[in-house]
Amino acid sequence: MRREAAKDRPDCAHLRFQLLRHTAVCEMADAGVSVPQIASVTGHTLQSVYSILSRYHRATAAQAEAAFKKRLRLE
């Protein structure tokens, strides 16, 4: 299947499904999706999601601000 896709899109031949799943994990985290929800969508274990995020995901100031605002709403 990957070879067939590479014929249609040679620019994507280097992509692996696993990398696309890692990207999806990081993008869902950026969107504020919880780790258990991410695991249910991607089929990873919770530990795998945490591992992927610790390796590939970079925290940003915007994420810190969003977390702070979320915390204030809990009070």
C-alpha atoms as a PDB file:
ATOM      1  CA  MET A   1       0.000   0.000   0.000  1.00  0.00           C
ATOM      2  CA  ARG A   2       2.816   2.413   0.866  1.00  0.00           C
ATOM      3  CA  ARG A   3       4.495   1.773  -2.481  1.00  0.00           C
ATOM      4  CA  GLU A   4       1.254   2.468  -4.325  1.00  0.00           C
ATOM      5  CA  ALA A   5       0.807   5.720  -2.432  1.00  0.00           C
ATOM      6  CA  ALA A   6       4.409   6.671  -3.227  1.00  0.00           C
ATOM      7  CA  LYS A   7       3.677   6.292  -6.942  1.00  0.00           C
ATOM      8  CA  ASP A   8       0.853   8.814  -6.675  1.00  0.00           C
ATOM      9  CA  ARG A   9       2.706  11.134  -4.293  1.00  0.00           C
ATOM     10  CA  PRO A  10       6.477  10.637  -4.575  1.00  0.00           C
ATOM     11  CA  ASP A  11       6.991  13.674  -2.331  1.00  0.00           C
ATOM     12  CA  CYS A  12       5.413  11.683   0.524  1.00  0.00           C
ATOM     13  CA  ALA A  13       7.367   8.451   0.049  1.00  0.00           C
ATOM     14  CA  HIS A  14       9.527   9.170   3.111  1.00  0.00           C
ATOM     15  CA  LEU A  15       6.526   9.399   5.445  1.00  0.00           C
ATOM     16  CA  ARG A  16       5.681   6.518   7.718  1.00  0.00           C
ATOM     17  CA  PHE A  17       2.295   5.919   9.293  1.00  0.00           C
ATOM     18  CA  GLN A  18       3.930   5.905  12.722  1.00  0.00           C
ATOM     19  CA  LEU A  19       5.250   9.444  12.198  1.00  0.00           C
ATOM     20  CA  LEU A  20       1.810  10.635  11.153  1.00  0.00           C
ATOM     21  CA  ARG A  21       0.373   9.181  14.363  1.00  0.00           C
ATOM     22  CA  HIS A  22       3.044  10.999  16.390  1.00  0.00           C
ATOM     23  CA  THR A  23       2.131  14.234  14.620  1.00  0.00           C
ATOM     24  CA  ALA A  24      -1.536  13.635  15.395  1.00  0.00           C
ATOM     25  CA  VAL A  25      -0.697  13.092  19.078  1.00  0.00           C
ATOM     26  CA  CYS A  26       1.163  16.414  19.244  1.00  0.00           C
ATOM     27  CA  GLU A  27      -1.520  18.321  17.350  1.00  0.00           C
ATOM     28  CA  MET A  28      -4.267  16.963  19.589  1.00  0.00           C
ATOM     29  CA  ALA A  29      -2.256  17.948  22.665  1.00  0.00           C
ATOM     30  CA  ASP A  30      -1.883  21.452  21.214  1.00  0.00           C
ATOM     31  CA  ALA A  31      -5.661  21.569  20.781  1.00  0.00           C
ATOM     32  CA  GLY A  32      -6.158  20.785  24.468  1.00  0.00           C
ATOM     33  CA  VAL A  33      -7.219  17.153  24.088  1.00  0.00           C
ATOM     34  CA  SER A  34      -6.474  15.101  27.212  1.00  0.00           C
ATOM     35  CA  VAL A  35      -3.961  12.260  27.178  1.00  0.00           C
ATOM     36  CA  PRO A  36      -6.639   9.576  27.769  1.00  0.00           C
ATOM     37  CA  GLN A  37      -8.658  10.990  24.871  1.00  0.00           C
ATOM     38  CA  ILE A  38      -5.584  11.032  22.620  1.00  0.00           C
ATOM     39  CA  ALA A  39      -4.864   7.399  23.507  1.00  0.00           C
ATOM     40  CA  SER A  40      -8.419   6.386  22.671  1.00  0.00           C
ATOM     41  CA  VAL A  41      -8.182   8.015  19.240  1.00  0.00           C
ATOM     42  CA  THR A  42      -4.712   6.801  18.256  1.00  0.00           C
ATOM     43  CA  GLY A  43      -4.740   3.382  19.898  1.00  0.00           C
ATOM     44  CA  HIS A  44      -1.625   4.118  21.945  1.00  0.00           C
ATOM     45  CA  THR A  45      -1.344   3.262  25.623  1.00  0.00           C
ATOM     46  CA  LEU A  46      -1.311   6.177  28.052  1.00  0.00           C
ATOM     47  CA  GLN A  47       2.385   5.561  28.662  1.00  0.00           C
ATOM     48  CA  SER A  48       3.067   5.661  24.903  1.00  0.00           C
ATOM     49  CA  VAL A  49       1.251   8.979  24.547  1.00  0.00           C
ATOM     50  CA  TYR A  50       3.282  10.457  27.404  1.00  0.00           C
ATOM     51  CA  SER A  51       6.457   9.093  25.821  1.00  0.00           C
ATOM     52  CA  ILE A  52       5.611  10.580  22.412  1.00  0.00           C
ATOM     53  CA  LEU A  53       4.795  13.940  23.968  1.00  0.00           C
ATOM     54  CA  SER A  54       7.984  14.000  26.022  1.00  0.00           C
ATOM     55  CA  ARG A  55      10.063  13.253  22.940  1.00  0.00           C
ATOM     56  CA  TYR A  56       8.362  15.274  20.184  1.00  0.00           C
ATOM     57  CA  HIS A  57       6.158  17.913  21.789  1.00  0.00           C
ATOM     58  CA  ARG A  58       7.556  21.257  22.830  1.00  0.00           C
ATOM     59  CA  ALA A  59       5.775  23.391  25.377  1.00  0.00           C
ATOM     60  CA  THR A  60       5.025  26.943  24.342  1.00  0.00           C
ATOM     61  CA  ALA A  61       4.161  30.133  26.181  1.00  0.00           C
ATOM     62  CA  ALA A  62       0.660  29.969  24.688  1.00  0.00           C
ATOM     63  CA  GLN A  63       0.143  26.516  26.205  1.00  0.00           C
ATOM     64  CA  ALA A  64       1.345  27.721  29.593  1.00  0.00           C
ATOM     65  CA  GLU A  65      -1.041  30.668  29.421  1.00  0.00           C
ATOM     66  CA  ALA A  66      -3.951  28.406  28.450  1.00  0.00           C
ATOM     67  CA  ALA A  67      -3.169  26.073  31.363  1.00  0.00           C
ATOM     68  CA  PHE A  68      -3.017  29.026  33.751  1.00  0.00           C
ATOM     69  CA  LYS A  69      -6.381  30.341  32.525  1.00  0.00           C
ATOM     70  CA  LYS A  70      -7.892  26.864  32.844  1.00  0.00           C
ATOM     71  CA  ARG A  71      -6.615  26.693  36.418  1.00  0.00           C
ATOM     72  CA  LEU A  72      -8.158  30.070  37.262  1.00  0.00           C
ATOM     73  CA  ARG A  73     -11.543  28.865  36.008  1.00  0.00           C
ATOM     74  CA  LEU A  74     -11.403  25.968  38.483  1.00  0.00           C
ATOM     75  CA  GLU A  75     -11.262  28.305  41.478  1.00  0.00           C
END
